[in-house]
Amino acid sequence: MRNTILVLLALFAAASAFGQKIEDVAVTISPSLQEQGEIAYSGKPLSWDRFKGKPDNSCGFVAMTYSGIKMRYTYATRNGVTTAQVQLCPYMEENLS
């Protein structure tokens, strides 16, 4: 389900940005967009040792994640056909989570 949502988000963003009909879109989960201090999505469960942030004792949660999704895209038009490549990097900010 999560991957389906990510793909739909990427398709919507690509179509909106280009303002033209796109014939082919390739979407990949790419940890290469990860920066220092971030934990890229790997499909594996998080472990407690990955949470480095200071706990907020005023909230009722055991743990919280500061997370986001980075996106990079490229597109090309050849012979009137536009194709796009979308890279997504879901991540958690290690020092804030």
Protein backbone atom coordinates (compact mmCIF):
# COMPACT_ATOMS: atom_id res chain seq x y z
CA MET A 1 0.00 0.00 0.00
CA ARG A 2 2.77 2.43 0.94
CA ASN A 3 4.60 1.81 -2.35
CA THR A 4 1.37 2.35 -4.28
CA ILE A 5 0.86 5.72 -2.60
CA LEU A 6 4.44 6.73 -3.33
CA VAL A 7 4.07 5.79 -6.99
CA LEU A 8 0.81 7.72 -7.33
CA LEU A 9 2.39 10.75 -5.64
CA ALA A 10 5.33 10.61 -8.03
CA LEU A 11 3.06 10.28 -11.08
CA PHE A 12 0.95 13.24 -9.99
CA ALA A 13 4.02 15.40 -9.32
CA ALA A 14 5.59 14.48 -12.64
CA ALA A 15 2.42 15.16 -14.66
CA SER A 16 1.82 18.48 -12.89
CA ALA A 17 5.39 19.67 -13.36
CA PHE A 18 5.62 18.85 -17.03
CA GLY A 19 2.17 20.01 -18.13
CA GLN A 20 2.26 17.53 -21.01
CA LYS A 21 1.38 13.93 -21.72
CA ILE A 22 4.00 11.55 -20.38
CA GLU A 23 4.20 8.19 -22.11
CA ASP A 24 6.41 6.35 -19.61
CA VAL A 25 7.34 6.94 -15.95
CA ALA A 26 9.93 4.88 -14.08
CA VAL A 27 9.74 5.24 -10.29
CA THR A 28 12.44 3.91 -7.97
CA ILE A 29 13.10 4.05 -4.24
CA SER A 30 16.61 5.50 -4.11
CA PRO A 31 18.68 5.67 -0.92
CA SER A 32 21.27 7.65 -2.93
CA LEU A 33 19.35 10.84 -2.02
CA GLN A 34 20.01 10.17 1.67
CA GLU A 35 22.12 12.71 3.57
CA GLN A 36 24.19 12.33 6.73
CA GLY A 37 22.01 11.82 9.81
CA GLU A 38 19.13 10.36 7.82
CA ILE A 39 17.97 6.76 7.73
CA ALA A 40 16.64 5.86 4.28
CA TYR A 41 13.67 3.51 3.98
CA SER A 42 14.86 -0.07 3.65
CA GLY A 43 11.71 -2.10 4.26
CA LYS A 44 13.13 -3.35 7.57
CA PRO A 45 11.61 -2.38 10.94
CA LEU A 46 13.33 0.35 12.93
CA SER A 47 15.12 -0.64 16.12
CA TRP A 48 15.28 1.45 19.29
CA ASP A 49 19.00 2.14 18.84
CA ARG A 50 18.21 4.20 15.69
CA PHE A 51 16.30 6.82 17.74
CA LYS A 52 18.88 9.46 18.78
CA GLY A 53 16.67 12.48 19.56
CA LYS A 54 15.86 13.74 23.03
CA PRO A 55 12.52 12.32 24.26
CA ASP A 56 9.60 14.73 24.62
CA ASN A 57 8.11 13.66 27.95
CA SER A 58 5.17 16.04 27.55
CA CYS A 59 3.53 13.93 24.82
CA GLY A 60 1.79 10.61 25.28
CA PHE A 61 3.82 8.67 22.72
CA VAL A 62 6.62 6.19 23.33
CA ALA A 63 8.48 7.28 20.18
CA MET A 64 8.06 9.70 17.28
CA THR A 65 9.79 9.95 13.93
CA TYR A 66 10.75 13.11 12.10
CA SER A 67 10.41 11.85 8.55
CA GLY A 68 9.98 12.99 4.99
CA ILE A 69 10.21 12.02 1.35
CA LYS A 70 12.78 13.48 -1.05
CA MET A 71 12.14 13.39 -4.76
CA ARG A 72 14.31 13.91 -7.82
CA TYR A 73 13.04 13.63 -11.36
CA THR A 74 14.33 13.95 -14.87
CA TYR A 75 12.49 13.86 -18.15
CA ALA A 76 13.27 13.78 -21.81
CA THR A 77 11.32 14.17 -25.03
CA ARG A 78 12.46 12.23 -28.06
CA ASN A 79 10.48 11.99 -31.28
CA GLY A 80 7.50 13.61 -29.55
CA VAL A 81 7.43 11.04 -26.74
CA THR A 82 8.09 12.26 -23.20
CA THR A 83 9.46 9.86 -20.59
CA ALA A 84 10.23 10.55 -16.94
CA GLN A 85 12.39 8.98 -14.26
CA VAL A 86 11.43 9.65 -10.65
CA GLN A 87 13.61 8.82 -7.65
CA LEU A 88 12.02 8.78 -4.20
CA CYS A 89 13.84 8.60 -0.88
CA PRO A 90 11.61 8.15 2.18
CA TYR A 91 13.73 8.87 5.25
CA MET A 92 13.79 9.42 9.01
CA GLU A 93 15.91 12.16 10.59
CA GLU A 94 17.93 10.13 13.10
CA ASN A 95 18.90 12.93 15.52
CA LEU A 96 15.37 14.34 15.77
CA SER A 97 13.55 11.03 16.19
